[in-house]
N, C-alpha and C. Protein backbone atom coordinates (compact mmCIF):
# COMPACT_ATOMS: atom_id res chain seq x y z
N MET A 1 63.80 24.73 47.39
CA MET A 1 63.34 25.03 45.92
C MET A 1 62.47 23.53 45.36
N PRO A 2 61.36 24.15 44.88
CA PRO A 2 61.03 22.71 43.85
C PRO A 2 61.55 22.02 42.77
N ALA A 3 60.88 20.96 42.89
CA ALA A 3 61.82 20.11 42.05
C ALA A 3 61.60 20.63 40.51
N ALA A 4 62.79 20.14 39.51
CA ALA A 4 62.66 20.80 38.22
C ALA A 4 61.85 19.63 37.71
N LEU A 5 60.85 20.36 36.46
CA LEU A 5 60.13 19.41 35.57
C LEU A 5 61.12 18.63 34.63
N PRO A 6 60.59 17.27 34.49
CA PRO A 6 61.42 16.74 33.41
C PRO A 6 61.81 17.38 31.93
N ALA A 7 62.74 17.42 31.35
CA ALA A 7 62.89 18.38 30.00
C ALA A 7 61.76 17.91 29.41
N ASP A 8 61.43 16.94 29.10
CA ASP A 8 60.40 16.36 28.21
C ASP A 8 58.96 16.42 28.68
N VAL A 9 58.75 17.40 29.30
CA VAL A 9 56.91 17.75 29.87
C VAL A 9 56.56 18.68 28.91
N PRO A 10 57.36 19.87 28.43
CA PRO A 10 56.54 20.59 27.48
C PRO A 10 56.50 19.89 26.27
N ALA A 11 57.63 18.89 25.76
CA ALA A 11 57.05 18.47 24.66
C ALA A 11 56.05 17.17 24.72
N ALA A 12 55.64 16.65 25.85
CA ALA A 12 54.38 15.90 25.83
C ALA A 12 53.33 16.79 25.73
N ARG A 13 53.16 17.92 26.50
CA ARG A 13 52.12 18.77 26.27
C ARG A 13 51.67 19.15 24.91
N THR A 14 52.89 19.15 24.10
CA THR A 14 52.85 19.92 22.98
C THR A 14 52.12 18.32 21.71
N VAL A 15 52.66 17.18 22.30
CA VAL A 15 51.81 16.48 21.50
C VAL A 15 50.48 15.69 21.90
N ARG A 16 50.23 16.26 23.08
CA ARG A 16 49.05 15.93 23.28
C ARG A 16 48.41 17.04 22.81
N ARG A 17 48.38 18.66 23.12
CA ARG A 17 47.50 19.49 22.37
C ARG A 17 47.84 19.36 20.61
N SER A 18 48.48 18.57 20.16
CA SER A 18 48.51 18.43 18.56
C SER A 18 47.29 17.76 18.55
N ARG A 19 47.20 16.26 19.29
CA ARG A 19 46.50 15.22 18.99
C ARG A 19 45.12 15.49 19.31
N ARG A 20 44.71 16.46 20.34
CA ARG A 20 43.15 17.30 20.72
C ARG A 20 43.05 17.95 19.07
N LEU A 21 43.76 18.80 18.75
CA LEU A 21 43.53 19.60 17.49
C LEU A 21 43.35 18.78 16.24
N ARG A 22 43.93 17.55 16.14
CA ARG A 22 43.72 16.64 15.01
C ARG A 22 42.34 16.18 15.25
N VAL A 23 41.91 15.55 16.74
CA VAL A 23 40.65 15.04 16.64
C VAL A 23 39.75 15.89 16.66
N ALA A 24 39.55 16.90 16.88
CA ALA A 24 38.84 18.32 17.03
C ALA A 24 38.42 18.56 15.25
N GLY A 25 39.66 18.69 14.59
CA GLY A 25 39.66 18.74 13.13
C GLY A 25 38.95 17.53 12.68
N TRP A 26 39.07 16.48 12.92
CA TRP A 26 38.64 15.35 12.37
C TRP A 26 36.97 14.94 12.82
N ALA A 27 36.60 15.83 14.31
CA ALA A 27 34.97 15.69 14.59
C ALA A 27 34.30 17.02 13.49
N LEU A 28 35.24 18.27 13.46
CA LEU A 28 34.57 18.68 12.48
C LEU A 28 34.24 18.69 11.36
N SER A 29 35.30 17.87 10.89
CA SER A 29 34.96 17.38 9.34
C SER A 29 33.83 16.09 8.99
N ALA A 30 33.80 15.39 10.34
CA ALA A 30 32.23 14.24 9.97
C ALA A 30 31.13 15.24 10.05
N ALA A 31 31.42 16.21 11.21
CA ALA A 31 30.28 17.31 11.10
C ALA A 31 29.90 17.88 10.18
N ALA A 32 30.68 18.61 9.18
CA ALA A 32 30.52 19.08 8.04
C ALA A 32 29.73 17.99 6.83
N ALA A 33 30.49 17.17 7.21
CA ALA A 33 30.11 15.71 5.70
C ALA A 33 29.09 15.30 6.10
N LEU A 34 28.26 15.00 7.52
CA LEU A 34 27.17 14.42 7.76
C LEU A 34 25.97 15.62 7.44
N ALA A 35 26.52 17.31 7.65
CA ALA A 35 25.28 18.14 7.27
C ALA A 35 25.12 18.22 5.83
N LEU A 36 26.56 18.01 5.47
CA LEU A 36 25.98 17.97 3.77
C LEU A 36 25.68 16.99 2.87
N ALA A 37 25.59 15.90 3.49
CA ALA A 37 25.16 14.82 2.83
C ALA A 37 24.04 14.38 2.15
N PRO A 38 22.71 15.23 3.24
CA PRO A 38 21.51 15.49 2.30
C PRO A 38 22.00 16.16 1.05
N ALA A 39 22.51 17.57 1.05
CA ALA A 39 22.49 18.65 -0.01
C ALA A 39 22.87 17.60 -1.19
N VAL A 40 23.91 16.62 -1.01
CA VAL A 40 24.84 15.93 -1.96
C VAL A 40 23.47 14.81 -2.80
N TRP A 41 22.90 14.29 -1.59
CA TRP A 41 21.77 13.34 -2.05
C TRP A 41 20.83 14.36 -3.16
N VAL A 42 20.38 15.02 -2.83
CA VAL A 42 19.42 16.09 -3.92
C VAL A 42 19.82 16.55 -4.94
N GLN A 43 21.17 16.89 -4.76
CA GLN A 43 21.77 17.28 -6.03
C GLN A 43 22.32 16.29 -6.86
N ALA A 44 22.70 14.92 -6.23
CA ALA A 44 22.94 13.55 -7.41
C ALA A 44 21.87 13.03 -7.63
N LEU A 45 20.50 13.14 -7.31
CA LEU A 45 19.48 12.47 -7.71
C LEU A 45 19.10 13.23 -9.00
N GLY A 46 19.06 14.73 -8.73
CA GLY A 46 18.12 15.61 -9.53
C GLY A 46 19.01 15.25 -10.73
N GLN A 47 20.57 15.21 -10.90
CA GLN A 47 21.25 15.44 -11.94
C GLN A 47 20.95 14.05 -12.81
N THR A 48 20.37 13.30 -12.28
CA THR A 48 20.21 12.00 -13.08
C THR A 48 19.04 12.73 -13.85
N ARG A 49 18.33 13.15 -13.62
CA ARG A 49 17.14 13.97 -14.53
C ARG A 49 16.94 14.84 -15.48
N VAL A 50 18.43 15.43 -15.33
CA VAL A 50 18.89 16.72 -16.38
C VAL A 50 18.34 16.46 -18.03
N VAL A 51 18.10 17.53 -18.37
CA VAL A 51 18.01 17.27 -19.94
C VAL A 51 19.19 18.28 -20.63
N ALA A 52 19.86 17.72 -21.59
CA ALA A 52 21.07 18.44 -21.85
C ALA A 52 20.39 19.63 -22.82
N SER A 53 19.08 19.80 -23.52
CA SER A 53 18.89 20.57 -24.34
C SER A 53 17.19 20.09 -24.65
N PRO A 54 16.27 21.42 -25.07
CA PRO A 54 14.96 21.46 -25.16
C PRO A 54 14.83 20.37 -26.18
N ALA A 55 15.74 20.05 -27.12
CA ALA A 55 15.56 19.77 -28.62
C ALA A 55 15.31 18.07 -27.74
N GLU A 56 15.91 17.62 -26.69
CA GLU A 56 16.02 16.02 -26.11
C GLU A 56 15.01 15.67 -25.48
N VAL A 57 13.97 16.78 -25.29
CA VAL A 57 12.86 16.30 -24.43
C VAL A 57 11.99 15.43 -25.15
N ARG A 58 11.57 14.02 -24.12
CA ARG A 58 10.68 13.64 -24.88
C ARG A 58 9.15 14.09 -24.61
N PRO A 59 8.19 13.61 -25.46
CA PRO A 59 6.99 14.33 -25.41
C PRO A 59 6.41 14.14 -23.97
N SER A 60 6.29 14.97 -23.48
CA SER A 60 5.54 14.93 -22.18
C SER A 60 4.13 15.91 -22.35
N GLY A 61 2.87 15.46 -21.19
CA GLY A 61 2.11 16.52 -21.47
C GLY A 61 2.11 17.61 -20.56
N VAL A 62 2.94 18.16 -19.88
CA VAL A 62 3.16 19.34 -18.89
C VAL A 62 4.17 19.54 -18.89
N ALA A 63 4.30 20.50 -18.77
CA ALA A 63 5.57 21.52 -18.84
C ALA A 63 5.32 22.76 -17.34
N LEU A 64 6.36 22.23 -16.37
CA LEU A 64 5.88 22.80 -15.14
C LEU A 64 6.83 24.18 -15.01
N VAL A 65 6.27 25.23 -14.63
CA VAL A 65 7.26 26.25 -14.98
C VAL A 65 7.09 27.02 -13.54
N LEU A 66 8.33 27.16 -12.80
CA LEU A 66 8.39 27.66 -11.28
C LEU A 66 8.89 29.33 -11.46
N GLY A 67 8.09 29.60 -10.38
CA GLY A 67 8.06 31.38 -10.24
C GLY A 67 9.65 31.71 -10.07
N ALA A 68 9.72 33.01 -10.74
CA ALA A 68 10.89 33.48 -10.18
C ALA A 68 10.53 34.94 -9.96
N GLY A 69 9.73 35.42 -9.32
CA GLY A 69 9.41 36.60 -8.89
C GLY A 69 8.97 37.94 -10.28
N LEU A 70 8.62 39.03 -9.82
CA LEU A 70 8.26 40.08 -10.84
C LEU A 70 9.25 40.85 -10.50
N ALA A 71 9.22 41.61 -12.02
CA ALA A 71 9.65 43.02 -11.94
C ALA A 71 8.90 44.16 -11.47
N PRO A 72 9.42 45.66 -11.09
CA PRO A 72 8.57 46.31 -10.23
C PRO A 72 7.14 46.83 -11.05
N ASP A 73 7.34 46.61 -12.58
CA ASP A 73 5.90 46.81 -13.32
C ASP A 73 5.10 45.57 -13.73
N GLY A 74 5.00 44.91 -12.20
CA GLY A 74 4.24 43.38 -12.87
C GLY A 74 4.54 42.35 -13.67
N SER A 75 5.30 42.92 -14.66
CA SER A 75 6.14 42.09 -15.57
C SER A 75 7.06 40.42 -14.96
N PRO A 76 6.95 39.53 -15.13
CA PRO A 76 7.94 38.35 -15.24
C PRO A 76 9.14 38.92 -14.80
N SER A 77 9.91 38.25 -14.10
CA SER A 77 11.33 38.85 -14.05
C SER A 77 12.04 38.46 -14.87
N PRO A 78 13.60 39.02 -15.19
CA PRO A 78 14.23 38.67 -16.36
C PRO A 78 14.55 36.79 -16.47
N TYR A 79 14.66 36.62 -15.25
CA TYR A 79 15.16 34.88 -14.96
C TYR A 79 13.77 34.26 -15.53
N LEU A 80 12.41 34.83 -14.90
CA LEU A 80 11.17 34.01 -15.04
C LEU A 80 10.75 33.87 -16.54
N ARG A 81 11.56 35.18 -17.12
CA ARG A 81 10.82 35.12 -18.63
C ARG A 81 11.93 34.47 -19.37
N ARG A 82 12.93 33.79 -18.77
CA ARG A 82 13.83 32.82 -19.36
C ARG A 82 12.72 31.53 -19.40
N ARG A 83 12.39 31.15 -18.27
CA ARG A 83 11.73 30.31 -18.07
C ARG A 83 10.44 29.77 -19.26
N LEU A 84 9.87 31.24 -19.22
CA LEU A 84 8.42 30.78 -19.83
C LEU A 84 9.10 31.24 -21.20
N ASP A 85 10.02 31.58 -21.68
CA ASP A 85 10.48 31.30 -23.32
C ASP A 85 10.89 29.84 -23.49
N ALA A 86 11.31 29.44 -22.48
CA ALA A 86 11.55 27.83 -22.97
C ALA A 86 10.28 27.05 -22.84
N ALA A 87 9.39 27.27 -22.13
CA ALA A 87 8.05 26.47 -22.16
C ALA A 87 7.36 26.97 -23.28
N ALA A 88 7.29 28.33 -23.75
CA ALA A 88 6.52 28.61 -24.97
C ALA A 88 7.18 27.79 -26.41
N GLU A 89 8.81 27.52 -26.12
CA GLU A 89 9.42 26.77 -27.64
C GLU A 89 8.79 25.33 -27.25
N LEU A 90 8.74 24.67 -26.29
CA LEU A 90 8.63 23.27 -25.96
C LEU A 90 6.84 23.28 -26.61
N TYR A 91 5.87 24.01 -26.24
CA TYR A 91 4.54 24.11 -26.65
C TYR A 91 4.69 24.22 -28.00
N ALA A 92 5.35 25.45 -28.78
CA ALA A 92 5.42 25.47 -30.27
C ALA A 92 6.11 23.99 -30.96
N ALA A 93 6.77 23.28 -30.27
CA ALA A 93 7.27 21.92 -30.91
C ALA A 93 6.57 21.22 -30.69
N GLY A 94 5.50 21.05 -29.88
CA GLY A 94 4.92 19.82 -29.47
C GLY A 94 4.90 18.87 -28.75
N GLN A 95 6.14 19.47 -28.11
CA GLN A 95 6.52 18.88 -26.67
C GLN A 95 6.21 18.44 -25.91
N VAL A 96 5.29 19.60 -25.05
CA VAL A 96 3.79 19.91 -24.24
C VAL A 96 2.94 20.22 -24.82
N THR A 97 1.84 19.92 -24.01
CA THR A 97 0.58 20.31 -24.35
C THR A 97 -0.25 21.14 -23.20
N THR A 98 0.54 21.53 -22.62
CA THR A 98 0.12 21.97 -21.25
C THR A 98 1.14 22.48 -20.65
N ILE A 99 0.92 23.73 -20.25
CA ILE A 99 2.15 24.68 -19.41
C ILE A 99 1.24 24.80 -18.07
N LEU A 100 1.90 24.32 -17.15
CA LEU A 100 1.38 24.96 -15.51
C LEU A 100 2.60 25.79 -14.76
N ALA A 101 1.84 26.90 -14.76
CA ALA A 101 2.42 27.92 -14.40
C ALA A 101 2.19 28.16 -12.33
N SER A 102 3.33 27.94 -12.01
CA SER A 102 3.45 27.67 -10.87
C SER A 102 3.94 28.90 -9.78
N GLY A 103 3.63 29.62 -8.97
CA GLY A 103 4.46 30.37 -8.26
C GLY A 103 3.27 31.33 -7.12
N ASP A 104 3.88 32.06 -6.70
CA ASP A 104 2.83 32.98 -5.31
C ASP A 104 2.33 33.91 -5.98
N GLY A 105 0.67 33.54 -6.01
CA GLY A 105 -0.28 34.62 -6.48
C GLY A 105 -1.37 34.90 -5.37
N VAL A 106 -0.65 34.49 -3.87
CA VAL A 106 -1.96 34.59 -2.51
C VAL A 106 -2.28 35.84 -2.86
N LEU A 107 -1.59 36.98 -2.58
CA LEU A 107 -1.87 38.33 -2.85
C LEU A 107 -2.42 38.93 -4.05
N ASP A 108 -3.49 39.49 -4.42
CA ASP A 108 -3.57 40.02 -5.61
C ASP A 108 -2.76 41.23 -5.97
N SER A 109 -1.82 41.79 -4.80
CA SER A 109 -0.75 42.39 -5.34
C SER A 109 0.62 41.85 -6.38
N HIS A 110 0.63 40.68 -5.96
CA HIS A 110 1.91 40.32 -6.42
C HIS A 110 1.45 38.94 -7.08
N ASP A 111 0.85 38.50 -8.62
CA ASP A 111 0.21 37.66 -8.77
C ASP A 111 1.19 37.20 -9.78
N GLU A 112 1.99 36.11 -9.25
CA GLU A 112 3.12 35.89 -10.30
C GLU A 112 2.04 34.84 -11.61
N PRO A 113 1.44 33.78 -11.51
CA PRO A 113 1.08 33.09 -12.15
C PRO A 113 0.47 33.65 -13.47
N GLY A 114 -0.44 35.11 -12.71
CA GLY A 114 -0.88 36.07 -13.84
C GLY A 114 0.03 36.56 -14.81
N ALA A 115 1.01 37.09 -14.52
CA ALA A 115 1.77 37.59 -14.84
C ALA A 115 2.16 36.68 -15.85
N MET A 116 2.75 35.27 -15.30
CA MET A 116 3.52 34.28 -16.44
C MET A 116 2.03 34.23 -17.69
N ARG A 117 0.87 33.70 -17.15
CA ARG A 117 -0.16 33.67 -17.98
C ARG A 117 0.02 34.75 -19.37
N ASP A 118 0.25 36.15 -18.69
CA ASP A 118 0.28 37.52 -20.10
C ASP A 118 1.32 37.06 -20.67
N TRP A 119 2.41 36.60 -20.13
CA TRP A 119 3.92 36.58 -21.19
C TRP A 119 3.26 35.17 -21.99
N LEU A 120 2.81 34.22 -21.65
CA LEU A 120 3.24 33.17 -22.71
C LEU A 120 1.75 33.42 -23.84
N LEU A 121 0.64 34.50 -23.08
CA LEU A 121 -0.41 34.35 -24.18
C LEU A 121 0.46 35.56 -25.61
N ALA A 122 1.05 36.36 -24.66
CA ALA A 122 1.91 37.02 -26.12
C ALA A 122 2.93 36.92 -26.93
N ARG A 123 3.57 35.65 -26.29
CA ARG A 123 4.05 34.52 -27.05
C ARG A 123 3.65 33.33 -28.01
N GLY A 124 1.95 33.01 -27.92
CA GLY A 124 1.11 32.70 -28.80
C GLY A 124 1.00 31.49 -28.31
N VAL A 125 0.64 31.28 -27.33
CA VAL A 125 0.70 29.98 -26.20
C VAL A 125 -0.96 30.34 -25.76
N PRO A 126 -1.84 29.07 -26.05
CA PRO A 126 -3.31 29.73 -25.96
C PRO A 126 -3.93 29.50 -24.86
N ASP A 127 -4.83 30.34 -24.20
CA ASP A 127 -5.15 30.31 -22.94
C ASP A 127 -5.46 28.53 -21.99
N SER A 128 -6.12 28.37 -23.66
CA SER A 128 -6.67 26.64 -23.15
C SER A 128 -5.39 25.94 -22.60
N ALA A 129 -4.10 26.41 -23.04
CA ALA A 129 -3.18 25.51 -22.63
C ALA A 129 -2.21 25.98 -21.67
N ILE A 130 -2.58 27.10 -20.84
CA ILE A 130 -2.29 27.40 -19.57
C ILE A 130 -2.70 27.00 -18.20
N VAL A 131 -2.65 26.57 -17.34
CA VAL A 131 -3.23 26.45 -15.93
C VAL A 131 -2.42 27.06 -14.82
N LEU A 132 -3.04 27.84 -14.22
CA LEU A 132 -2.26 28.45 -13.07
C LEU A 132 -2.61 28.03 -11.50
N ASP A 133 -1.30 28.06 -10.81
CA ASP A 133 -1.44 27.24 -9.45
C ASP A 133 -0.97 28.44 -8.33
N ARG A 134 -1.77 29.56 -7.88
CA ARG A 134 -1.62 30.63 -7.65
C ARG A 134 -0.78 30.23 -5.96
N GLU A 135 -0.88 29.05 -5.47
CA GLU A 135 0.00 28.42 -3.88
C GLU A 135 1.00 27.79 -4.44
N GLY A 136 2.02 27.91 -5.47
CA GLY A 136 3.20 27.56 -5.38
C GLY A 136 4.31 28.26 -4.91
N VAL A 137 4.12 28.46 -3.78
CA VAL A 137 4.87 29.33 -2.81
C VAL A 137 6.66 29.45 -2.82
N ASP A 138 6.53 27.90 -2.86
CA ASP A 138 8.03 27.63 -3.10
C ASP A 138 8.24 26.35 -3.74
N THR A 139 9.55 25.91 -4.20
CA THR A 139 9.63 24.57 -5.21
C THR A 139 8.58 23.61 -4.41
N ASN A 140 9.14 23.07 -3.31
CA ASN A 140 8.47 21.95 -2.66
C ASN A 140 6.89 21.87 -3.32
N ALA A 141 5.95 23.11 -2.41
CA ALA A 141 4.77 23.38 -2.61
C ALA A 141 4.47 22.93 -3.95
N SER A 142 4.88 23.28 -5.23
CA SER A 142 4.88 23.45 -6.69
C SER A 142 4.96 22.09 -7.03
N CYS A 143 5.83 21.07 -6.73
CA CYS A 143 5.75 20.02 -6.94
C CYS A 143 4.59 19.27 -6.50
N VAL A 144 4.49 19.20 -4.99
CA VAL A 144 3.48 18.56 -4.31
C VAL A 144 2.00 19.07 -4.94
N ARG A 145 2.15 20.33 -5.03
CA ARG A 145 0.46 20.58 -5.71
C ARG A 145 0.52 20.06 -6.94
N ALA A 146 1.34 20.41 -7.99
CA ALA A 146 1.17 20.00 -9.43
C ALA A 146 0.64 18.59 -9.35
N HIS A 147 1.51 17.51 -8.32
CA HIS A 147 0.74 16.05 -8.27
C HIS A 147 -0.25 15.87 -7.77
N GLU A 148 -0.55 16.65 -6.56
CA GLU A 148 -1.79 16.67 -5.81
C GLU A 148 -3.04 16.71 -6.33
N VAL A 149 -2.80 18.23 -6.74
CA VAL A 149 -4.10 19.16 -6.97
C VAL A 149 -4.10 19.16 -8.40
N PHE A 150 -3.16 19.02 -9.03
CA PHE A 150 -3.50 18.90 -10.87
C PHE A 150 -3.37 17.89 -11.50
N GLY A 151 -3.05 16.98 -10.72
CA GLY A 151 -3.10 15.62 -11.32
C GLY A 151 -1.80 15.21 -12.14
N VAL A 152 -0.69 15.76 -11.93
CA VAL A 152 0.24 15.80 -12.91
C VAL A 152 1.12 14.63 -12.72
N ASP A 153 1.47 13.60 -13.61
CA ASP A 153 2.12 12.20 -13.22
C ASP A 153 3.66 12.58 -14.00
N ARG A 154 3.61 13.56 -15.12
CA ARG A 154 4.67 13.58 -15.91
C ARG A 154 4.78 14.54 -16.56
N ALA A 155 5.93 15.32 -15.96
CA ALA A 155 6.37 16.72 -16.44
C ALA A 155 7.58 17.36 -16.81
N VAL A 156 7.85 17.72 -17.58
CA VAL A 156 9.04 18.67 -17.97
C VAL A 156 8.92 19.81 -16.85
N VAL A 157 10.10 19.98 -16.16
CA VAL A 157 10.65 20.95 -15.01
C VAL A 157 11.42 21.75 -15.85
N ILE A 158 11.02 23.17 -15.97
CA ILE A 158 11.86 24.20 -16.41
C ILE A 158 12.23 25.80 -15.23
N THR A 159 13.67 25.44 -15.25
CA THR A 159 14.09 26.68 -14.19
C THR A 159 15.54 27.19 -14.59
N GLN A 160 15.95 27.71 -13.70
CA GLN A 160 17.49 27.88 -13.76
C GLN A 160 18.48 26.98 -13.47
N ASP A 161 19.36 26.84 -14.33
CA ASP A 161 20.40 25.91 -13.92
C ASP A 161 20.62 25.33 -12.69
N TYR A 162 21.16 26.21 -11.89
CA TYR A 162 21.55 26.01 -10.61
C TYR A 162 20.76 25.67 -10.01
N HIS A 163 18.88 25.47 -10.02
CA HIS A 163 18.10 25.39 -9.16
C HIS A 163 17.62 24.06 -9.95
N LEU A 164 17.79 23.33 -11.04
CA LEU A 164 17.04 22.69 -11.34
C LEU A 164 16.91 21.52 -10.70
N ARG A 165 18.46 20.75 -10.13
CA ARG A 165 18.61 19.85 -9.06
C ARG A 165 17.45 19.26 -8.55
N ARG A 166 17.32 20.47 -7.80
CA ARG A 166 16.33 20.91 -6.41
C ARG A 166 15.25 20.32 -7.04
N ALA A 167 14.91 21.14 -8.30
CA ALA A 167 13.48 21.11 -8.40
C ALA A 167 13.07 19.68 -8.81
N LEU A 168 14.00 19.07 -9.65
CA LEU A 168 13.59 17.67 -9.93
C LEU A 168 13.53 16.67 -9.37
N PHE A 169 14.32 16.92 -8.20
CA PHE A 169 14.17 16.20 -6.50
C PHE A 169 13.20 16.00 -6.03
N SER A 170 12.37 17.23 -5.95
CA SER A 170 11.36 17.77 -4.99
C SER A 170 10.46 17.08 -5.95
N CYS A 171 10.22 17.20 -7.07
CA CYS A 171 9.11 17.00 -8.18
C CYS A 171 9.03 15.00 -7.97
N GLN A 172 10.25 14.68 -8.24
CA GLN A 172 10.41 12.91 -8.04
C GLN A 172 9.64 12.54 -6.82
N SER A 173 10.35 13.47 -5.71
CA SER A 173 9.82 12.51 -4.32
C SER A 173 8.32 13.00 -3.99
N ALA A 174 7.53 13.68 -4.86
CA ALA A 174 6.37 14.12 -4.85
C ALA A 174 5.31 13.20 -6.00
N GLY A 175 6.35 12.50 -6.13
CA GLY A 175 5.41 11.58 -7.13
C GLY A 175 5.41 11.62 -8.63
N ILE A 176 6.12 12.33 -9.56
CA ILE A 176 6.10 13.13 -10.66
C ILE A 176 7.27 12.62 -11.28
N ASP A 177 6.86 12.06 -12.36
CA ASP A 177 8.20 11.39 -13.36
C ASP A 177 8.38 12.41 -13.93
N ALA A 178 9.64 12.99 -13.78
CA ALA A 178 10.44 14.81 -13.70
C ALA A 178 11.59 14.58 -14.52
N VAL A 179 11.75 15.13 -15.63
CA VAL A 179 12.62 15.53 -16.49
C VAL A 179 12.91 17.22 -16.56
N GLY A 180 14.02 17.59 -16.60
CA GLY A 180 14.25 19.37 -16.32
C GLY A 180 15.21 19.83 -17.58
N VAL A 181 14.86 20.81 -18.17
CA VAL A 181 15.60 22.00 -19.30
C VAL A 181 15.93 22.62 -18.44
N GLY A 182 16.96 22.80 -17.94
CA GLY A 182 18.01 24.45 -17.27
C GLY A 182 18.07 25.45 -18.42
N VAL A 183 17.54 26.71 -17.93
CA VAL A 183 17.62 27.96 -19.16
C VAL A 183 19.16 28.73 -18.11
N SER A 184 19.16 29.73 -18.35
CA SER A 184 20.42 30.65 -18.11
C SER A 184 20.23 31.21 -17.01
N ALA A 185 21.49 31.48 -15.95
CA ALA A 185 21.30 31.82 -14.51
C ALA A 185 22.26 33.41 -14.66
N GLN A 186 22.47 33.95 -15.96
CA GLN A 186 23.28 34.98 -16.11
C GLN A 186 22.44 36.38 -15.41
N SER A 187 23.17 36.98 -14.58
CA SER A 187 22.24 37.96 -14.17
C SER A 187 22.93 39.27 -14.23
N ALA A 188 22.32 40.50 -14.16
CA ALA A 188 22.96 41.77 -14.34
C ALA A 188 23.53 42.17 -12.87
N LYS A 189 23.22 41.62 -11.76
CA LYS A 189 23.46 41.73 -10.45
C LYS A 189 24.09 40.54 -10.02
N PRO A 190 25.59 40.32 -10.14
CA PRO A 190 26.33 39.11 -9.63
C PRO A 190 26.57 38.66 -8.54
N ALA A 191 26.36 39.51 -7.67
CA ALA A 191 26.23 39.56 -6.21
C ALA A 191 25.02 38.53 -5.74
N GLN A 192 23.60 39.22 -6.23
CA GLN A 192 22.65 38.89 -6.17
C GLN A 192 22.48 37.18 -6.83
N ALA A 193 23.11 36.78 -7.90
CA ALA A 193 23.23 35.63 -8.59
C ALA A 193 23.95 34.69 -7.90
N LEU A 194 25.12 35.38 -7.24
CA LEU A 194 26.18 34.68 -6.64
C LEU A 194 25.49 33.63 -5.20
N TRP A 195 24.31 35.04 -4.56
CA TRP A 195 24.03 34.49 -3.36
C TRP A 195 22.53 33.43 -3.81
N TRP A 196 22.15 33.17 -4.84
CA TRP A 196 20.98 32.37 -5.23
C TRP A 196 21.56 30.58 -5.34
N HIS A 197 23.13 31.00 -5.86
CA HIS A 197 23.62 29.75 -6.01
C HIS A 197 24.16 29.10 -4.77
N VAL A 198 24.64 30.13 -3.64
CA VAL A 198 25.26 29.87 -2.61
C VAL A 198 23.95 29.17 -1.74
N ARG A 199 22.87 30.20 -1.34
CA ARG A 199 21.31 28.96 -0.91
C ARG A 199 21.03 27.85 -1.42
N GLU A 200 21.58 27.12 -2.54
CA GLU A 200 21.27 26.01 -3.07
C GLU A 200 21.55 24.88 -1.94
N ALA A 201 22.70 25.30 -1.29
CA ALA A 201 23.35 24.05 -0.35
C ALA A 201 21.97 24.18 0.94
N PRO A 202 21.47 25.12 1.76
CA PRO A 202 20.94 25.10 2.70
C PRO A 202 19.65 24.82 2.13
N ALA A 203 19.08 25.23 0.98
CA ALA A 203 17.98 24.68 0.52
C ALA A 203 17.66 23.53 -0.17
N SER A 204 18.96 22.78 -0.53
CA SER A 204 18.71 21.08 -1.09
C SER A 204 18.47 20.58 0.12
N ILE A 205 19.23 20.89 1.47
CA ILE A 205 19.09 20.17 2.65
C ILE A 205 17.38 20.61 3.38
N LYS A 206 17.03 21.32 2.88
CA LYS A 206 15.80 21.53 3.59
C LYS A 206 14.70 20.57 2.52
N ALA A 207 15.18 20.62 1.01
CA ALA A 207 14.26 19.74 0.27
C ALA A 207 14.35 18.05 0.87
N ALA A 208 15.63 17.74 1.11
CA ALA A 208 16.07 16.38 1.50
C ALA A 208 14.92 16.22 2.59
N TRP A 209 14.81 17.35 3.78
CA TRP A 209 14.19 17.27 4.73
C TRP A 209 12.60 17.09 4.42
N ASP A 210 11.92 17.68 3.84
CA ASP A 210 10.66 17.62 3.01
C ASP A 210 10.56 16.15 2.69
N ALA A 211 11.07 15.87 1.82
CA ALA A 211 10.94 14.46 1.34
C ALA A 211 11.02 13.58 2.44
N VAL A 212 11.68 13.56 3.24
CA VAL A 212 11.95 12.53 4.38
C VAL A 212 10.54 12.61 5.26
N SER A 213 10.29 13.89 5.52
CA SER A 213 9.36 14.14 6.74
C SER A 213 8.18 14.10 5.91
N GLY A 214 7.70 14.56 4.58
CA GLY A 214 6.65 14.23 3.92
C GLY A 214 5.72 15.40 4.18
């Protein structure tokens, strides 16, 4: 008959298994922390440039309004309207002299900047104070082009509050001395709004990579 195993062998196996699980847990935690570190960097740096209210905005030459899609009728989406309204208020208060409307207007069938101009004109902003960037296809492109193509060195960035820190990070990385005003992110579609908030984590990681890689 085979020799009987010592009574403490099962206990030893349990201890080894427990140790392996702890090591695996530590490894996963470290990997998660490493993966999220760029997002934390982006959000923390952006937070230092957030302005609590439009009334606190120091006079600046340019308000940079980032695109946020169009409604089915071709007018600005509700999110984009809030951004444009805030820019129009800053212009009326004399806090900015120019509004740079940056969005996706590469196709004639989807002209975000054109719709943004129409909305601003209807709110009393003169056409001479509106500049369009039809190649601002994402946040990083809008910030880089604002600096490199339109010569913006200082700006007030206007977007929804959940997106603001990443936008400020990208503009700072592009060479713009930017502060930001956040507008409401309340939505009639809660699930869609939740997704936009969740996607800020991977989008922030991409923003960090864009800044590091140039």
